[in-house]
Amino acid sequence: MRAALGVVVGLVTLVVAGAATLGLGGRGGDEPPPARTGPAATAPVTRQTLTKTVTLAGDLGYGPALPLASTATGTVTWLPEVGATVRRGGVLLRADERPVVLLYGFLPMYRPLAEGTEGSDVRQFERNLAALGYGGFTVDEEFSAATTAAVKRWQKDLELPETGEVERDRVIYAPKAVRIAQHLVRLGASATGDVLTYTGSTRMVTVSAGAGEAGWAAKGTKVTVTLPTGGSVAGKVSAVGAPAPGALAGGEQQPANPERPGTGAATVEVIIAIADQKALGALGATPVDVRYVAEERRDVLTVPVEALLALAEGGYGVEVTGPAGTRIVAVKAGLFADGRVEVSGETLTEGVMVGVPQ
């Protein structure tokens, strides 16, 4: 294509030169312009790693909110503020002015604990008691007399009756610190039942992707999260949900936002963990962009995409230029990314100059 254009330019140059010789237009005494002998501009063939990335829409937040069920009797007299973080030993609510305390663990508080009780729930409770600084006992599956003494000290600090026994409704377990998302009841309501919702206290990114577009989302996949402040932070896929419908009520498909790829008929929820929480600054719930590597070619020859020529016989070529002039070299095109394309050819080497349009 470019070679043909060069022939046309050459013919036009000859016609103009002839017209000038015959005095047809222009200044009769001027020298004819020189014929074009090479491309208007050149660029070197480079060897590099070529990476194709895809950017999807995501949302920074604290993850899905879960209800917190209280088994305490009485009336709700205090709740933590929405947005507050409650850590191990902290108070989740007060019922009749008595605290319900958060401890860390996966086994729910399903029975009261007292001297002589044995089981894995005893070990879980004792591990928390020790972590709060109440020592003097062995962390095991037996609630001993030493455990009773430590519990009394704990109860004294909580301004509870020093019985040495742990009531079932005095403790709620969660895997780690929680952030209060919403109050489900008002002060004065019954303390039994779901009283608030909570999330984890660590910020994360949620990405919704179509079921057919989530092949990239494997646990451990590294991504880059671009923040609304203009900065970016590293992330890693921590969980991938099961496919879920992406339709609105009534069966109508959720519309996509053309400015945010990844929105619309989303069916798979991908959770991105952010290790460097400080890099997020004071950001709360906000839209973000998530970029992942879709394809990568290491140590390949590349040229600007504009350097590719469509050959009459099919395929692509590039116009190689040098001291001996120019020639068209057939190439095989590979990955396209960031304005460059992977190329390979029998005589193509790193550093060779190829023609590109201005």
Protein backbone atom coordinates (compact mmCIF):
# COMPACT_ATOMS: atom_id res chain seq x y z
CA MET A 1 0.00 0.00 0.00
CA ARG A 2 2.71 2.47 1.01
CA ALA A 3 4.91 1.33 -1.89
CA ALA A 4 2.05 2.07 -4.28
CA LEU A 5 1.59 5.46 -2.68
CA GLY A 6 5.30 6.10 -3.22
CA VAL A 7 4.89 5.40 -6.94
CA VAL A 8 1.98 7.83 -7.14
CA VAL A 9 3.97 10.48 -5.28
CA GLY A 10 6.87 9.90 -7.67
CA LEU A 11 4.62 10.37 -10.71
CA VAL A 12 3.16 13.54 -9.29
CA THR A 13 6.68 14.80 -8.63
CA LEU A 14 7.69 14.17 -12.25
CA VAL A 15 4.61 15.92 -13.57
CA VAL A 16 5.20 18.94 -11.35
CA ALA A 17 8.87 19.01 -12.32
CA GLY A 18 7.94 18.91 -16.00
CA ALA A 19 5.43 21.66 -15.56
CA ALA A 20 8.06 23.81 -13.90
CA THR A 21 10.47 23.20 -16.80
CA LEU A 22 7.84 24.31 -19.29
CA GLY A 23 7.01 27.39 -17.26
CA LEU A 24 3.58 26.10 -16.32
CA GLY A 25 3.00 27.63 -12.91
CA GLY A 26 5.52 28.27 -10.13
CA ARG A 27 8.87 29.97 -10.64
CA GLY A 28 10.49 28.84 -13.87
CA GLY A 29 14.03 29.15 -12.50
CA ASP A 30 13.50 27.00 -9.38
CA GLU A 31 15.12 23.60 -9.13
CA PRO A 32 12.64 20.68 -9.07
CA PRO A 33 12.08 19.23 -5.59
CA PRO A 34 14.05 16.07 -4.90
CA ALA A 35 12.27 12.75 -5.28
CA ARG A 36 11.32 10.92 -2.06
CA THR A 37 13.88 8.26 -1.26
CA GLY A 38 12.54 6.86 2.04
CA PRO A 39 9.80 7.01 4.64
CA ALA A 40 8.78 10.32 6.17
CA ALA A 41 9.79 9.13 9.65
CA THR A 42 11.41 6.08 11.19
CA ALA A 43 11.41 4.20 14.48
CA PRO A 44 13.67 1.42 15.73
CA VAL A 45 12.66 -2.18 16.20
CA THR A 46 12.86 -2.77 19.98
CA ARG A 47 13.11 -5.89 22.12
CA GLN A 48 10.88 -5.76 25.19
CA THR A 49 8.18 -7.39 27.24
CA LEU A 50 4.80 -6.51 25.76
CA THR A 51 1.84 -6.56 28.10
CA LYS A 52 -1.84 -6.26 27.30
CA THR A 53 -3.97 -5.09 30.23
CA VAL A 54 -7.72 -4.88 30.76
CA THR A 55 -9.39 -2.36 33.08
CA LEU A 56 -12.67 -3.11 34.86
CA ALA A 57 -14.88 -1.10 37.17
CA GLY A 58 -14.68 -1.87 40.87
CA ASP A 59 -15.91 -0.52 44.18
CA LEU A 60 -13.75 0.17 47.20
CA GLY A 61 -15.43 -0.62 50.50
CA TYR A 62 -15.48 -2.97 53.44
CA GLY A 63 -17.22 -5.92 51.84
CA PRO A 64 -20.77 -7.20 52.33
CA ALA A 65 -22.53 -6.35 55.59
CA LEU A 66 -23.63 -9.18 57.89
CA PRO A 67 -26.28 -9.07 60.63
CA LEU A 68 -25.15 -9.31 64.23
CA ALA A 69 -27.49 -11.41 66.34
CA SER A 70 -27.63 -10.78 70.05
CA THR A 71 -28.92 -13.36 72.52
CA ALA A 72 -28.93 -10.87 75.38
CA THR A 73 -32.22 -10.23 77.15
CA GLY A 74 -33.45 -6.81 78.13
CA THR A 75 -33.43 -3.47 76.39
CA VAL A 76 -30.81 -1.96 74.08
CA THR A 77 -29.31 0.98 75.99
CA TRP A 78 -26.23 1.68 73.83
CA LEU A 79 -24.89 0.94 70.34
CA PRO A 80 -21.55 1.94 68.79
CA GLU A 81 -21.62 4.63 66.12
CA VAL A 82 -21.99 3.63 62.48
CA GLY A 83 -18.50 3.47 60.99
CA ALA A 84 -16.85 2.67 64.32
CA THR A 85 -14.41 -0.24 64.50
CA VAL A 86 -14.82 -2.69 67.37
CA ARG A 87 -11.82 -4.90 68.20
CA ARG A 88 -11.28 -7.86 70.51
CA GLY A 89 -12.58 -7.04 73.97
CA GLY A 90 -14.61 -4.09 72.72
CA VAL A 91 -18.31 -3.59 73.40
CA LEU A 92 -20.79 -4.30 70.59
CA LEU A 93 -23.89 -3.18 72.49
CA ARG A 94 -25.26 -2.74 75.97
CA ALA A 95 -28.41 -4.49 77.14
CA ASP A 96 -29.82 -3.07 80.38
CA GLU A 97 -26.46 -1.25 80.62
CA ARG A 98 -24.54 -4.54 80.68
CA PRO A 99 -21.93 -4.96 77.90
CA VAL A 100 -21.93 -7.60 75.16
CA VAL A 101 -18.30 -8.12 74.21
CA LEU A 102 -16.62 -9.01 70.90
CA LEU A 103 -14.07 -11.84 70.94
CA TYR A 104 -12.28 -13.44 67.99
CA GLY A 105 -13.15 -16.93 66.80
CA PHE A 106 -15.23 -19.02 64.42
CA LEU A 107 -17.14 -21.16 66.91
CA PRO A 108 -20.27 -19.39 68.20
CA MET A 109 -20.92 -18.92 71.91
CA TYR A 110 -23.49 -21.69 72.24
CA ARG A 111 -23.35 -22.36 76.00
CA PRO A 112 -22.23 -20.75 79.26
CA LEU A 113 -18.69 -21.49 80.44
CA ALA A 114 -17.77 -22.27 84.03
CA GLU A 115 -15.19 -24.19 86.05
CA GLY A 116 -15.15 -27.81 84.97
CA THR A 117 -16.41 -27.14 81.43
CA GLU A 118 -14.33 -28.76 78.69
CA GLY A 119 -14.23 -28.40 74.92
CA SER A 120 -12.87 -26.50 71.95
CA ASP A 121 -15.05 -23.51 72.85
CA VAL A 122 -13.16 -23.28 76.16
CA ARG A 123 -9.85 -23.17 74.30
CA GLN A 124 -11.21 -20.43 71.99
CA PHE A 125 -12.38 -18.35 74.96
CA GLU A 126 -9.14 -18.83 76.92
CA ARG A 127 -7.09 -17.81 73.88
CA ASN A 128 -9.00 -14.52 73.80
CA LEU A 129 -8.70 -14.01 77.53
CA ALA A 130 -4.93 -14.43 77.31
CA ALA A 131 -4.71 -12.08 74.31
CA LEU A 132 -6.50 -9.41 76.39
CA GLY A 133 -3.77 -9.68 79.04
CA TYR A 134 -5.50 -11.85 81.62
CA GLY A 135 -2.95 -14.59 82.37
CA GLY A 136 -2.26 -17.10 85.11
CA PHE A 137 -3.86 -20.10 83.40
CA THR A 138 -3.03 -22.58 80.64
CA VAL A 139 -4.78 -22.18 77.29
CA ASP A 140 -6.34 -25.59 76.78
CA GLU A 141 -9.76 -27.22 76.61
CA GLU A 142 -10.35 -27.19 80.36
CA PHE A 143 -11.97 -24.32 82.25
CA SER A 144 -9.87 -24.52 85.41
CA ALA A 145 -9.81 -22.70 88.73
CA ALA A 146 -7.05 -20.52 87.31
CA THR A 147 -9.33 -19.65 84.38
CA THR A 148 -12.07 -18.72 86.86
CA ALA A 149 -9.73 -16.31 88.62
CA ALA A 150 -8.79 -14.65 85.31
CA VAL A 151 -12.46 -14.35 84.33
CA LYS A 152 -13.22 -12.55 87.59
CA ARG A 153 -10.54 -9.96 86.84
CA TRP A 154 -11.99 -9.53 83.34
CA GLN A 155 -15.51 -9.12 84.73
CA LYS A 156 -14.30 -6.53 87.24
CA ASP A 157 -12.83 -4.41 84.42
CA LEU A 158 -16.14 -4.67 82.55
CA GLU A 159 -18.05 -3.66 85.70
CA LEU A 160 -19.90 -6.97 85.71
CA PRO A 161 -20.65 -9.20 88.70
CA GLU A 162 -17.46 -11.15 89.48
CA THR A 163 -18.95 -14.63 89.25
CA GLY A 164 -16.11 -16.31 87.39
CA GLU A 165 -18.67 -17.79 84.99
CA VAL A 166 -19.15 -16.57 81.41
CA GLU A 167 -22.78 -16.11 80.41
CA ARG A 168 -23.76 -17.26 76.93
CA ASP A 169 -25.24 -13.88 76.00
CA ARG A 170 -22.20 -11.89 77.20
CA VAL A 171 -19.92 -12.77 74.23
CA ILE A 172 -20.25 -12.63 70.45
CA TYR A 173 -17.53 -14.12 68.24
CA ALA A 174 -16.30 -12.82 64.88
CA PRO A 175 -13.17 -13.82 62.92
CA LYS A 176 -11.56 -10.41 63.48
CA ALA A 177 -12.31 -6.73 64.16
CA VAL A 178 -15.64 -5.49 62.80
CA ARG A 179 -16.84 -2.18 61.45
CA ILE A 180 -20.38 -1.11 62.29
CA ALA A 181 -22.33 -0.71 59.05
CA GLN A 182 -25.92 -0.03 60.19
CA HIS A 183 -28.16 0.02 63.24
CA LEU A 184 -31.13 -2.31 62.82
CA VAL A 185 -32.84 -1.22 66.04
CA ARG A 186 -33.14 1.97 68.04
CA LEU A 187 -32.28 2.49 71.68
CA GLY A 188 -35.09 1.11 73.78
CA ALA A 189 -35.74 -1.85 71.50
CA SER A 190 -35.37 -5.46 72.53
CA ALA A 191 -31.76 -6.61 72.76
CA THR A 192 -32.63 -10.09 71.48
CA GLY A 193 -32.23 -10.63 67.74
CA ASP A 194 -30.43 -8.78 64.94
CA VAL A 195 -29.45 -5.41 66.38
CA LEU A 196 -26.94 -4.12 63.81
CA THR A 197 -24.97 -5.08 60.70
CA TYR A 198 -21.22 -5.14 60.42
CA THR A 199 -18.43 -5.66 57.95
CA GLY A 200 -14.76 -6.39 58.30
CA SER A 201 -12.56 -3.46 59.23
CA THR A 202 -10.21 -3.93 56.27
CA ARG A 203 -10.97 -2.15 53.02
CA MET A 204 -11.19 -4.23 49.88
CA VAL A 205 -12.34 -3.90 46.28
CA THR A 206 -15.30 -5.71 44.78
CA VAL A 207 -15.42 -6.28 41.01
CA SER A 208 -18.47 -7.62 39.20
CA ALA A 209 -17.61 -9.48 35.99
CA GLY A 210 -19.61 -11.41 33.43
CA ALA A 211 -19.47 -15.18 33.89
CA GLY A 212 -17.72 -15.52 30.54
CA GLU A 213 -15.20 -12.78 31.34
CA ALA A 214 -13.96 -13.89 34.74
CA GLY A 215 -11.36 -16.42 33.62
CA TRP A 216 -8.62 -14.04 34.77
CA ALA A 217 -9.94 -14.03 38.33
CA ALA A 218 -8.07 -16.82 40.07
CA LYS A 219 -7.19 -16.59 43.74
CA GLY A 220 -3.81 -14.90 44.05
CA THR A 221 -3.97 -13.03 40.71
CA LYS A 222 -2.17 -9.69 41.03
CA VAL A 223 -3.96 -6.52 39.93
CA THR A 224 -3.45 -2.76 40.06
CA VAL A 225 -6.17 -0.59 41.62
CA THR A 226 -6.40 2.99 40.37
CA LEU A 227 -7.84 5.33 42.98
CA PRO A 228 -9.99 8.44 42.38
CA THR A 229 -7.13 10.48 43.83
CA GLY A 230 -5.02 9.55 40.81
CA GLY A 231 -2.71 7.18 42.64
CA SER A 232 -2.66 3.41 42.44
CA VAL A 233 -2.14 0.51 44.82
CA ALA A 234 -1.33 -3.17 44.37
CA GLY A 235 -4.08 -5.71 44.96
CA LYS A 236 -4.58 -9.46 44.83
CA VAL A 237 -7.65 -11.59 44.16
CA SER A 238 -8.66 -13.12 47.50
CA ALA A 239 -12.01 -14.70 46.62
CA VAL A 240 -14.23 -15.39 43.63
CA GLY A 241 -17.96 -15.84 44.17
CA ALA A 242 -20.29 -18.24 42.45
CA PRO A 243 -22.13 -17.00 39.33
CA ALA A 244 -25.24 -15.03 40.20
CA PRO A 245 -27.98 -13.46 38.03
CA GLY A 246 -27.35 -9.90 36.88
CA ALA A 247 -30.93 -8.92 36.21
CA LEU A 248 -33.12 -6.34 37.87
CA ALA A 249 -36.53 -7.01 39.36
CA GLY A 250 -38.98 -8.15 36.70
CA GLY A 251 -36.27 -9.86 34.64
CA GLU A 252 -35.00 -6.67 33.03
CA GLN A 253 -31.26 -6.75 32.35
CA GLN A 254 -29.16 -4.29 34.33
CA PRO A 255 -27.80 -1.64 31.93
CA ALA A 256 -24.06 -1.29 31.47
CA ASN A 257 -22.23 1.98 32.10
CA PRO A 258 -20.19 2.61 28.90
CA GLU A 259 -17.67 4.69 30.85
CA ARG A 260 -16.97 1.88 33.33
CA PRO A 261 -16.24 -1.49 31.70
CA GLY A 262 -17.32 -4.37 33.88
CA THR A 263 -20.72 -2.94 34.84
CA GLY A 264 -24.03 -4.21 33.53
CA ALA A 265 -24.94 -7.89 33.32
CA ALA A 266 -22.41 -8.84 36.00
CA THR A 267 -22.67 -12.33 37.37
CA VAL A 268 -19.42 -13.11 39.22
CA GLU A 269 -18.22 -11.19 42.28
CA VAL A 270 -14.44 -10.91 42.62
CA ILE A 271 -12.93 -9.70 45.90
CA ILE A 272 -9.58 -7.86 45.71
CA ALA A 273 -7.50 -7.66 48.89
CA ILE A 274 -5.36 -4.56 49.47
CA ALA A 275 -2.32 -5.29 51.63
CA ASP A 276 -1.17 -1.66 51.96
CA GLN A 277 -4.17 -0.11 53.68
CA LYS A 278 -2.23 3.10 54.39
CA ALA A 279 -1.91 3.72 50.65
CA LEU A 280 -5.70 4.09 50.51
CA GLY A 281 -5.54 7.17 52.73
CA ALA A 282 -8.89 8.22 54.13
CA LEU A 283 -10.89 6.80 51.21
CA GLY A 284 -14.11 5.01 52.09
CA ALA A 285 -16.74 3.67 49.75
CA THR A 286 -15.84 4.90 46.24
CA PRO A 287 -15.59 3.66 42.64
CA VAL A 288 -12.14 2.52 41.50
CA ASP A 289 -10.61 0.92 38.40
CA VAL A 290 -9.00 -2.51 38.51
CA ARG A 291 -6.38 -3.40 35.90
CA TYR A 292 -5.16 -6.92 35.28
CA VAL A 293 -2.72 -8.46 32.81
CA ALA A 294 -4.66 -10.29 30.09
CA GLU A 295 -1.67 -11.33 27.93
CA GLU A 296 2.08 -10.96 28.12
CA ARG A 297 4.94 -11.65 25.68
CA ARG A 298 8.45 -11.58 27.09
CA ASP A 299 11.59 -10.64 25.15
CA VAL A 300 9.92 -10.05 21.77
CA LEU A 301 10.59 -7.65 18.89
CA THR A 302 8.08 -4.83 18.61
CA VAL A 303 7.36 -1.89 16.30
CA PRO A 304 4.78 0.92 16.45
CA VAL A 305 1.41 -0.30 15.18
CA GLU A 306 1.53 2.45 12.52
CA ALA A 307 4.59 0.78 10.99
CA LEU A 308 2.56 -2.21 9.79
CA LEU A 309 1.77 -2.35 6.06
CA ALA A 310 -0.99 -4.47 4.57
CA LEU A 311 0.61 -6.52 1.78
CA ALA A 312 -1.21 -7.14 -1.48
CA GLU A 313 -0.57 -10.87 -1.20
CA GLY A 314 -1.98 -10.88 2.33
CA GLY A 315 -0.46 -10.49 5.78
CA TYR A 316 1.71 -7.66 7.02
CA GLY A 317 5.07 -6.12 6.31
CA VAL A 318 7.26 -3.26 7.47
CA GLU A 319 9.35 -0.84 5.46
CA VAL A 320 12.94 -1.35 6.57
CA THR A 321 15.24 1.57 5.87
CA GLY A 322 19.03 1.81 5.90
CA PRO A 323 22.07 3.14 4.01
CA ALA A 324 21.24 0.92 1.05
CA GLY A 325 17.69 2.31 0.77
CA THR A 326 14.36 0.86 1.77
CA ARG A 327 12.73 -2.51 1.31
CA ILE A 328 9.51 -4.18 2.38
CA VAL A 329 9.98 -7.10 4.78
CA ALA A 330 7.12 -9.49 5.48
CA VAL A 331 6.44 -9.99 9.20
CA LYS A 332 4.15 -12.02 11.40
CA ALA A 333 2.14 -9.87 13.81
CA GLY A 334 1.54 -11.08 17.36
CA LEU A 335 0.26 -9.25 20.43
CA PHE A 336 -1.00 -5.66 20.08
CA ALA A 337 -0.63 -3.53 23.23
CA ASP A 338 0.05 0.08 24.21
CA GLY A 339 0.43 1.28 20.62
CA ARG A 340 2.99 -1.37 19.71
CA VAL A 341 2.80 -4.79 18.08
CA GLU A 342 4.89 -7.92 18.42
CA VAL A 343 6.55 -8.80 15.09
CA SER A 344 8.80 -11.54 13.79
CA GLY A 345 10.51 -11.94 10.42
CA GLU A 346 13.49 -13.72 8.93
CA THR A 347 15.65 -10.60 8.52
CA LEU A 348 14.19 -8.45 11.28
CA THR A 349 16.52 -7.67 14.19
CA GLU A 350 16.63 -5.31 17.16
CA GLY A 351 17.71 -1.77 16.26
CA VAL A 352 16.67 -1.91 12.59
CA MET A 353 14.82 1.26 11.55
CA VAL A 354 11.34 0.96 10.06
CA GLY A 355 9.17 3.57 8.42
CA VAL A 356 6.20 5.12 10.20
CA PRO A 357 3.84 7.85 8.99
CA GLN A 358 4.20 11.30 10.46
